[in-house]
């Protein structure tokens, strides 16, 4: 509808004021005013040699006389509010109803893609309410971009390694008695999450015993036998211990099957999965190159940092003194890899606002490393989901499970 109206307005502006291909800013009329669409007339005042109000009045009269689509108009300062005829509105609705893909531009695969990252769960628990919100936001953004005709690559990074993952593994090994999704009748991600909660229960018992013996609470959690065992399991994983690796692969496979079932219910999909077990080694080479360019500096203890205080941020650790990476290191390397994996011109991270500072630092570091595409990175930030009782904690089992919520929604829909 606006395309045809814009052509008529363009011809009217040329006839009235001699304006050729003048910019046309049509907006939906604000609710407090009469009209359907509003034309901003300030750009035409110089050519009309009249006040904004008089310019709008002249355009409105000309459109009403020459254009059957315009039924009436009113002027509010420099804004021309147009009321469209019922026939115009009806024909527009008919066109929308006749085309199942109205307003959606076919994807042009010759264009560079837009990447959207969202979901990015941990493999020690099932998806919860927060993941549902994140998935719906991420998928919606991807669909909106794709509707403009641009190819979209939807990705997630699966956090499949680390202490939290080993907690579920250790608890299953100690207390699982060989339980599987098949033997328990549970979805794989729920079964693994059960043992994540079981570990936390055991940790509290062991820590409490140490506290009763006079140890400080924080130290007791570190010294608890189960936590010591988990730390050793992580070291064994990093060393490639066959037994630990086999358990890790088995339990992760259970979780992936569960995740995929939930994603299918949500109607989302991913074009590529990145895994932290593969990406955690990325970024170190880029840090070394940045050192040679004086983007980073090495402290006396051997750790590597970047000073972002001139940009209003702070100093940031990018490599520990023992040469191991931090999350920032991994994210630097992963971003670089993604622009190598795909022909794309933007990357949007759909992540909660607790990571606002992290992404400011990440984007700035990539710019300082000389990557021109760093200016196309964006962080879609949003508030976290809290329960009336406080923030959700998977280790304590105080979460709104995604599958349970979907069950309730489906049951409610059937009743309506």
Protein backbone atom coordinates (compact mmCIF):
# COMPACT_ATOMS: atom_id res chain seq x y z
CA UNK A 1 0.00 0.00 0.00
CA UNK A 2 2.72 2.52 0.96
CA UNK A 3 4.65 1.87 -2.25
CA UNK A 4 1.75 3.00 -4.43
CA UNK A 5 0.99 5.95 -2.18
CA UNK A 6 4.64 6.99 -2.17
CA UNK A 7 4.61 7.10 -5.98
CA UNK A 8 1.54 9.35 -5.95
CA UNK A 9 3.08 11.63 -3.30
CA UNK A 10 6.32 11.80 -5.29
CA UNK A 11 4.45 12.90 -8.42
CA UNK A 12 2.49 15.46 -6.37
CA UNK A 13 5.68 16.96 -4.89
CA UNK A 14 7.21 17.30 -8.34
CA UNK A 15 4.06 18.96 -9.70
CA UNK A 16 3.65 21.36 -6.75
CA UNK A 17 7.23 22.26 -5.89
CA UNK A 18 9.41 20.92 -8.69
CA UNK A 19 10.95 18.32 -6.38
CA UNK A 20 12.36 15.32 -8.25
CA UNK A 21 12.78 12.05 -6.33
CA UNK A 22 12.29 13.80 -3.00
CA UNK A 23 12.68 11.67 0.16
CA UNK A 24 9.32 10.45 1.44
CA UNK A 25 8.96 9.59 5.12
CA UNK A 26 5.63 7.83 5.70
CA UNK A 27 4.82 6.64 9.21
CA UNK A 28 1.87 5.08 10.93
CA UNK A 29 -0.24 7.88 12.43
CA UNK A 30 0.08 8.15 16.20
CA UNK A 31 -2.98 6.93 18.08
CA UNK A 32 -3.81 10.33 19.55
CA UNK A 33 -4.35 11.82 16.06
CA UNK A 34 -6.86 11.09 13.30
CA UNK A 35 -5.50 9.35 10.22
CA UNK A 36 -3.89 6.16 8.96
CA UNK A 37 -0.49 7.30 7.71
CA UNK A 38 1.54 10.44 8.36
CA UNK A 39 3.82 12.28 5.94
CA UNK A 40 6.67 14.35 7.39
CA UNK A 41 6.76 17.56 5.32
CA UNK A 42 9.75 19.42 6.82
CA UNK A 43 12.09 18.29 3.97
CA UNK A 44 9.88 20.14 1.44
CA UNK A 45 9.58 23.52 3.19
CA UNK A 46 12.59 25.07 1.46
CA UNK A 47 11.24 24.18 -1.98
CA UNK A 48 7.67 25.24 -1.17
CA UNK A 49 8.78 28.56 0.36
CA UNK A 50 5.92 28.22 2.83
CA UNK A 51 5.56 27.33 6.49
CA UNK A 52 5.44 23.63 7.40
CA UNK A 53 1.70 23.93 8.10
CA UNK A 54 0.98 25.63 4.77
CA UNK A 55 3.16 23.11 2.94
CA UNK A 56 1.28 20.21 4.52
CA UNK A 57 -2.06 21.85 3.70
CA UNK A 58 -1.11 22.28 0.04
CA UNK A 59 0.05 18.67 -0.28
CA UNK A 60 -3.06 17.38 1.48
CA UNK A 61 -5.45 19.29 -0.80
CA UNK A 62 -3.60 18.14 -3.92
CA UNK A 63 -3.66 14.51 -2.81
CA UNK A 64 -7.33 14.60 -1.87
CA UNK A 65 -8.27 16.06 -5.25
CA UNK A 66 -6.07 13.83 -7.42
CA UNK A 67 -5.88 10.60 -5.43
CA UNK A 68 -8.84 8.30 -4.79
CA UNK A 69 -6.83 6.53 -2.09
CA UNK A 70 -6.89 9.62 0.17
CA UNK A 71 -10.28 10.23 1.74
CA UNK A 72 -9.27 13.10 4.02
CA UNK A 73 -6.41 14.76 5.86
CA UNK A 74 -5.47 16.97 8.79
CA UNK A 75 -2.35 18.93 9.62
CA UNK A 76 -0.53 18.92 12.95
CA UNK A 77 2.40 21.33 12.76
CA UNK A 78 4.78 19.86 10.16
CA UNK A 79 2.96 16.55 9.86
CA UNK A 80 0.31 15.64 7.30
CA UNK A 81 -2.03 12.94 8.60
CA UNK A 82 -3.78 11.13 5.75
CA UNK A 83 -7.00 9.15 6.12
CA UNK A 84 -7.19 6.42 3.51
CA UNK A 85 -10.40 5.37 1.81
CA UNK A 86 -12.16 2.18 2.87
CA UNK A 87 -11.69 0.82 -0.64
CA UNK A 88 -7.93 1.27 -0.33
CA UNK A 89 -7.81 -0.44 3.04
CA UNK A 90 -10.00 -3.28 1.76
CA UNK A 91 -7.87 -3.84 -1.34
CA UNK A 92 -4.77 -3.91 0.83
CA UNK A 93 -6.31 -6.51 3.13
CA UNK A 94 -7.39 -8.57 0.12
CA UNK A 95 -3.82 -8.54 -1.19
CA UNK A 96 -2.47 -9.63 2.19
CA UNK A 97 -4.97 -12.47 2.51
CA UNK A 98 -4.37 -13.65 -1.05
CA UNK A 99 -0.61 -14.02 -0.54
CA UNK A 100 0.52 -16.46 2.14
CA UNK A 101 3.98 -14.86 2.03
CA UNK A 102 2.89 -11.23 1.81
CA UNK A 103 5.62 -8.85 2.92
CA UNK A 104 8.29 -11.55 2.92
CA UNK A 105 11.12 -11.15 0.41
CA UNK A 106 12.51 -14.39 -1.04
CA UNK A 107 15.99 -15.13 0.28
CA UNK A 108 18.79 -14.01 -2.05
CA UNK A 109 21.51 -16.61 -1.51
CA UNK A 110 24.04 -14.42 -3.32
CA UNK A 111 24.00 -12.00 -0.38
CA UNK A 112 26.31 -12.39 2.62
CA UNK A 113 24.51 -14.00 5.54
CA UNK A 114 23.56 -12.64 8.93
CA UNK A 115 24.50 -14.91 11.82
CA UNK A 116 22.38 -15.10 14.97
CA UNK A 117 23.64 -16.93 18.06
CA UNK A 118 21.20 -17.96 20.75
CA UNK A 119 20.25 -20.75 23.17
CA UNK A 120 23.80 -21.96 24.00
CA UNK A 121 22.91 -24.33 26.87
CA UNK A 122 25.06 -26.36 29.26
CA UNK A 123 25.03 -30.14 28.93
CA UNK A 124 24.50 -30.78 32.64
CA UNK A 125 20.79 -29.96 32.76
CA UNK A 126 17.63 -29.65 30.65
CA UNK A 127 16.41 -26.41 29.10
CA UNK A 128 14.35 -24.14 31.36
CA UNK A 129 12.10 -21.07 31.17
CA UNK A 130 15.04 -18.77 30.54
CA UNK A 131 16.07 -20.87 27.55
CA UNK A 132 12.53 -20.70 26.13
CA UNK A 133 12.63 -16.92 26.28
CA UNK A 134 16.07 -16.80 24.71
CA UNK A 135 15.11 -19.25 21.96
CA UNK A 136 11.96 -17.37 21.05
CA UNK A 137 13.85 -14.08 20.94
CA UNK A 138 16.70 -15.50 18.87
CA UNK A 139 14.47 -17.37 16.45
CA UNK A 140 12.24 -14.29 16.00
CA UNK A 141 15.24 -12.11 15.19
CA UNK A 142 16.47 -14.68 12.68
CA UNK A 143 13.06 -14.88 11.00
CA UNK A 144 12.70 -11.09 10.82
CA UNK A 145 16.09 -10.75 9.16
CA UNK A 146 15.33 -13.57 6.74
CA UNK A 147 12.01 -11.94 5.81
CA UNK A 148 14.01 -9.07 4.30
CA UNK A 149 15.57 -11.50 1.81
CA UNK A 150 18.87 -11.96 3.61
CA UNK A 151 20.29 -15.43 4.30
CA UNK A 152 20.49 -16.22 8.01
CA UNK A 153 22.78 -18.68 9.79
CA UNK A 154 21.44 -19.74 13.19
CA UNK A 155 24.07 -21.09 15.58
CA UNK A 156 24.51 -22.06 19.19
CA UNK A 157 27.60 -22.77 21.24
CA UNK A 158 27.05 -25.75 23.48
CA UNK A 159 28.89 -25.56 26.79
CA UNK A 160 29.85 -29.23 26.98
CA UNK A 161 32.97 -29.18 29.15
CA UNK A 162 34.18 -27.94 32.53
CA UNK A 163 33.53 -28.40 36.23
CA UNK A 164 29.73 -28.21 35.98
CA UNK A 165 29.63 -31.00 33.42
CA UNK A 166 31.91 -33.16 35.55
CA UNK A 167 29.60 -32.69 38.54
CA UNK A 168 26.81 -34.57 36.75
CA UNK A 169 29.27 -37.19 35.53
CA UNK A 170 30.70 -37.79 39.00
CA UNK A 171 27.27 -38.04 40.65
CA UNK A 172 26.03 -40.50 38.02
CA UNK A 173 29.19 -42.59 38.41
CA UNK A 174 28.83 -42.67 42.21
CA UNK A 175 25.05 -42.97 42.62
CA UNK A 176 23.56 -43.80 39.22
CA UNK A 177 23.84 -47.58 39.36
CA UNK A 178 23.92 -47.70 35.57
CA UNK A 179 20.68 -45.75 35.13
CA UNK A 180 19.94 -44.73 31.53
CA UNK A 181 17.16 -42.79 29.80
CA UNK A 182 15.74 -46.12 28.64
CA UNK A 183 15.80 -47.79 32.06
CA UNK A 184 14.45 -44.72 33.87
CA UNK A 185 11.89 -43.60 31.30
CA UNK A 186 13.33 -40.07 31.56
CA UNK A 187 14.48 -37.76 28.79
CA UNK A 188 18.26 -37.81 28.64
CA UNK A 189 18.70 -34.16 29.56
CA UNK A 190 16.41 -34.59 32.57
CA UNK A 191 18.33 -37.64 33.73
CA UNK A 192 21.66 -35.80 33.58
CA UNK A 193 20.10 -32.80 35.32
CA UNK A 194 18.91 -35.11 38.09
CA UNK A 195 22.50 -36.03 38.87
CA UNK A 196 23.61 -32.37 38.74
CA UNK A 197 21.14 -31.72 41.56
CA UNK A 198 22.30 -34.91 43.32
CA UNK A 199 25.88 -33.65 43.31
CA UNK A 200 24.86 -30.36 44.93
CA UNK A 201 23.07 -32.29 47.66
CA UNK A 202 26.18 -34.37 48.32
CA UNK A 203 28.40 -31.28 48.31
CA UNK A 204 26.25 -29.62 50.96
CA UNK A 205 26.45 -32.70 53.19
CA UNK A 206 30.22 -32.99 52.91
CA UNK A 207 30.82 -29.25 53.27
CA UNK A 208 28.61 -29.10 56.36
CA UNK A 209 30.67 -31.84 57.99
CA UNK A 210 33.85 -29.84 57.37
CA UNK A 211 32.22 -26.65 58.66
CA UNK A 212 31.25 -28.46 61.84
CA UNK A 213 34.93 -29.29 62.21
CA UNK A 214 35.82 -25.61 62.16
CA UNK A 215 36.49 -24.92 58.47
CA UNK A 216 35.22 -21.74 56.76
CA UNK A 217 32.22 -22.30 54.46
CA UNK A 218 33.93 -21.26 51.22
CA UNK A 219 36.96 -23.37 51.96
CA UNK A 220 34.77 -26.32 52.97
CA UNK A 221 33.12 -26.35 49.54
CA UNK A 222 36.55 -26.48 47.89
CA UNK A 223 37.88 -29.17 50.22
CA UNK A 224 34.82 -31.44 50.14
CA UNK A 225 35.84 -34.90 48.86
CA UNK A 226 33.25 -34.85 46.07
CA UNK A 227 34.55 -31.49 44.80
CA UNK A 228 38.11 -32.76 44.89
CA UNK A 229 36.98 -35.77 42.86
CA UNK A 230 35.29 -33.53 40.30
CA UNK A 231 38.43 -31.42 39.92
CA UNK A 232 40.42 -34.60 39.31
CA UNK A 233 37.84 -35.79 36.78
CA UNK A 234 38.24 -32.51 34.88
CA UNK A 235 42.02 -32.99 34.81
CA UNK A 236 41.48 -36.55 33.57
CA UNK A 237 39.16 -35.24 30.85
CA UNK A 238 41.74 -32.70 29.72
CA UNK A 239 44.33 -35.50 29.65
CA UNK A 240 42.02 -37.62 27.48
CA UNK A 241 41.47 -40.42 30.01
CA UNK A 242 39.55 -43.12 28.04
CA UNK A 243 37.08 -43.98 30.82
CA UNK A 244 36.25 -40.35 31.56
CA UNK A 245 35.95 -39.49 27.86
CA UNK A 246 33.58 -42.41 27.27
CA UNK A 247 31.33 -41.35 30.16
CA UNK A 248 31.42 -37.75 28.92
CA UNK A 249 30.41 -38.74 25.39
CA UNK A 250 27.64 -41.03 26.65
CA UNK A 251 26.03 -38.49 28.99
CA UNK A 252 26.36 -35.65 26.46
CA UNK A 253 24.64 -37.83 23.85
CA UNK A 254 21.73 -38.31 26.27
CA UNK A 255 21.50 -34.55 26.71
CA UNK A 256 21.67 -33.76 22.97
CA UNK A 257 18.80 -36.13 22.26
CA UNK A 258 16.76 -34.39 24.95
CA UNK A 259 17.67 -30.91 23.71
CA UNK A 260 16.69 -31.79 20.14
CA UNK A 261 13.27 -33.02 21.27
CA UNK A 262 12.64 -29.74 23.11
CA UNK A 263 13.90 -27.64 20.19
CA UNK A 264 11.54 -29.53 17.88
CA UNK A 265 8.61 -28.70 20.16
CA UNK A 266 9.64 -25.04 20.18
CA UNK A 267 9.99 -25.03 16.39
CA UNK A 268 13.58 -23.80 16.36
CA UNK A 269 16.59 -25.23 14.58
CA UNK A 270 20.28 -24.48 14.18
CA UNK A 271 22.40 -24.51 11.05
CA UNK A 272 25.57 -25.22 13.01
CA UNK A 273 26.48 -26.18 16.54
CA UNK A 274 29.75 -25.01 18.06
CA UNK A 275 31.06 -26.95 21.05
CA UNK A 276 33.11 -25.48 23.87
CA UNK A 277 35.12 -28.71 23.99
CA UNK A 278 36.41 -27.70 20.55
CA UNK A 279 36.46 -23.90 20.86
CA UNK A 280 38.17 -23.59 24.26
CA UNK A 281 41.56 -23.94 22.55
CA UNK A 282 40.79 -21.10 20.13
CA UNK A 283 42.01 -17.55 20.58
CA UNK A 284 45.48 -18.22 22.01
CA UNK A 285 47.17 -17.69 18.64
CA UNK A 286 45.26 -14.43 18.20
CA UNK A 287 46.39 -13.25 21.63
CA UNK A 288 50.02 -13.95 20.70
CA UNK A 289 49.60 -11.99 17.46
CA UNK A 290 48.00 -9.15 19.42
CA UNK A 291 51.00 -9.13 21.77
CA UNK A 292 53.31 -8.59 18.81
CA UNK A 293 51.15 -5.62 17.76
CA UNK A 294 51.07 -4.18 21.30
CA UNK A 295 47.32 -4.66 21.52
CA UNK A 296 47.95 -6.70 24.69
CA UNK A 297 50.68 -6.62 27.31
CA UNK A 298 52.27 -9.28 29.49
CA UNK A 299 52.54 -8.79 33.24
CA UNK A 300 55.50 -9.92 35.33
CA UNK A 301 53.66 -13.10 36.37
CA UNK A 302 53.31 -14.10 32.70
CA UNK A 303 49.58 -13.39 32.34
CA UNK A 304 48.37 -11.38 29.34
CA UNK A 305 46.03 -8.39 29.64
CA UNK A 306 44.52 -5.57 27.62
CA UNK A 307 44.09 -2.04 28.99
CA UNK A 308 40.74 -0.59 27.95
CA UNK A 309 40.68 2.24 30.48
CA UNK A 310 41.14 4.90 27.77
CA UNK A 311 37.86 3.65 26.28
CA UNK A 312 36.07 3.92 29.63
CA UNK A 313 36.26 0.22 30.47
CA UNK A 314 38.88 -1.60 32.56
CA UNK A 315 41.87 -3.88 32.25
CA UNK A 316 40.93 -7.38 31.11
CA UNK A 317 42.73 -10.71 31.50
CA UNK A 318 42.89 -12.63 28.21
CA UNK A 319 45.43 -15.36 29.05
CA UNK A 320 46.31 -16.80 32.47
CA UNK A 321 49.90 -16.97 33.70
CA UNK A 322 49.97 -20.73 33.04
CA UNK A 323 48.96 -20.10 29.42
CA UNK A 324 45.39 -21.34 29.77
CA UNK A 325 42.54 -19.38 28.25
CA UNK A 326 39.59 -17.59 29.82
CA UNK A 327 36.10 -17.22 28.33
CA UNK A 328 37.13 -14.00 26.60
CA UNK A 329 39.97 -15.82 24.83
CA UNK A 330 37.56 -18.46 23.56
CA UNK A 331 35.02 -15.90 22.38
CA UNK A 332 37.71 -14.00 20.47
CA UNK A 333 38.79 -17.17 18.68
CA UNK A 334 35.24 -18.39 18.06
CA UNK A 335 34.16 -15.08 16.49
CA UNK A 336 37.18 -15.17 14.17
CA UNK A 337 36.47 -18.79 13.23
CA UNK A 338 32.83 -18.04 12.43
CA UNK A 339 33.73 -15.33 9.95
CA UNK A 340 36.02 -17.89 8.35
CA UNK A 341 33.33 -20.58 8.32
CA UNK A 342 30.65 -18.46 6.63
CA UNK A 343 30.33 -15.63 4.16
CA UNK A 344 28.51 -13.15 6.39
CA UNK A 345 28.41 -9.47 7.22
CA UNK A 346 26.89 -9.43 10.72
CA UNK A 347 26.76 -11.46 13.92
CA UNK A 348 24.13 -10.92 16.61
CA UNK A 349 24.51 -12.46 20.06
CA UNK A 350 21.17 -12.96 21.82
CA UNK A 351 22.29 -13.10 25.45
CA UNK A 352 20.95 -11.77 28.76
CA UNK A 353 22.06 -8.42 30.14
CA UNK A 354 24.39 -9.96 32.72
CA UNK A 355 26.85 -10.23 29.81
CA UNK A 356 26.60 -6.58 28.67
CA UNK A 357 30.13 -5.70 29.81
CA UNK A 358 31.61 -8.91 28.39
CA UNK A 359 30.39 -8.10 24.89
CA UNK A 360 31.53 -4.48 25.05
CA UNK A 361 35.02 -5.76 25.84
CA UNK A 362 34.87 -8.52 23.20
CA UNK A 363 33.80 -6.19 20.39
CA UNK A 364 36.43 -3.61 21.31
CA UNK A 365 39.23 -6.20 21.44
CA UNK A 366 38.30 -7.52 17.99
CA UNK A 367 38.33 -3.96 16.63
CA UNK A 368 41.78 -3.37 18.12
CA UNK A 369 42.98 -6.62 16.54
CA UNK A 370 42.10 -5.07 13.19
CA UNK A 371 39.06 -7.07 12.14
CA UNK A 372 36.89 -4.75 10.05
CA UNK A 373 33.84 -6.96 10.59
CA UNK A 374 33.99 -6.21 14.32
CA UNK A 375 31.82 -3.15 13.67
CA UNK A 376 29.03 -5.48 12.49
CA UNK A 377 28.83 -7.34 15.80
CA UNK A 378 25.88 -6.63 18.07
CA UNK A 379 24.56 -7.86 21.41
CA UNK A 380 20.79 -8.16 21.76
CA UNK A 381 20.54 -7.71 25.52
CA UNK A 382 17.48 -8.42 27.64
CA UNK A 383 16.55 -8.85 31.31
CA UNK A 384 16.82 -12.13 33.15
CA UNK A 385 13.90 -14.33 34.20
CA UNK A 386 13.43 -14.56 37.97
CA UNK A 387 10.86 -16.49 39.97
CA UNK A 388 8.93 -14.83 42.83
CA UNK A 389 11.27 -16.74 45.13
CA UNK A 390 14.36 -15.35 43.40
CA UNK A 391 16.74 -16.35 40.63
CA UNK A 392 16.42 -19.87 39.21
CA UNK A 393 19.18 -22.32 40.22
CA UNK A 394 19.47 -25.57 38.32
CA UNK A 395 21.77 -27.15 40.89
CA UNK A 396 19.06 -26.73 43.54
CA UNK A 397 16.26 -27.82 41.24
CA UNK A 398 14.50 -24.43 41.50
CA UNK A 399 13.80 -23.92 37.81
CA UNK A 400 10.74 -23.84 35.59
CA UNK A 401 11.50 -26.72 33.27
CA UNK A 402 11.00 -26.01 29.56
CA UNK A 403 9.34 -29.35 28.81
CA UNK A 404 6.96 -29.00 31.76
CA UNK A 405 6.02 -25.49 30.66
CA UNK A 406 5.40 -26.68 27.10
CA UNK A 407 3.18 -29.46 28.45
CA UNK A 408 1.11 -26.92 30.38
CA UNK A 409 0.86 -24.61 27.35
CA UNK A 410 -0.28 -27.44 25.07
CA UNK A 411 -2.83 -28.65 27.62
CA UNK A 412 -4.13 -25.10 28.06
CA UNK A 413 -4.41 -24.61 24.30
CA UNK A 414 -6.46 -27.80 23.98
CA UNK A 415 -8.89 -26.59 26.64
CA UNK A 416 -9.48 -23.24 24.94
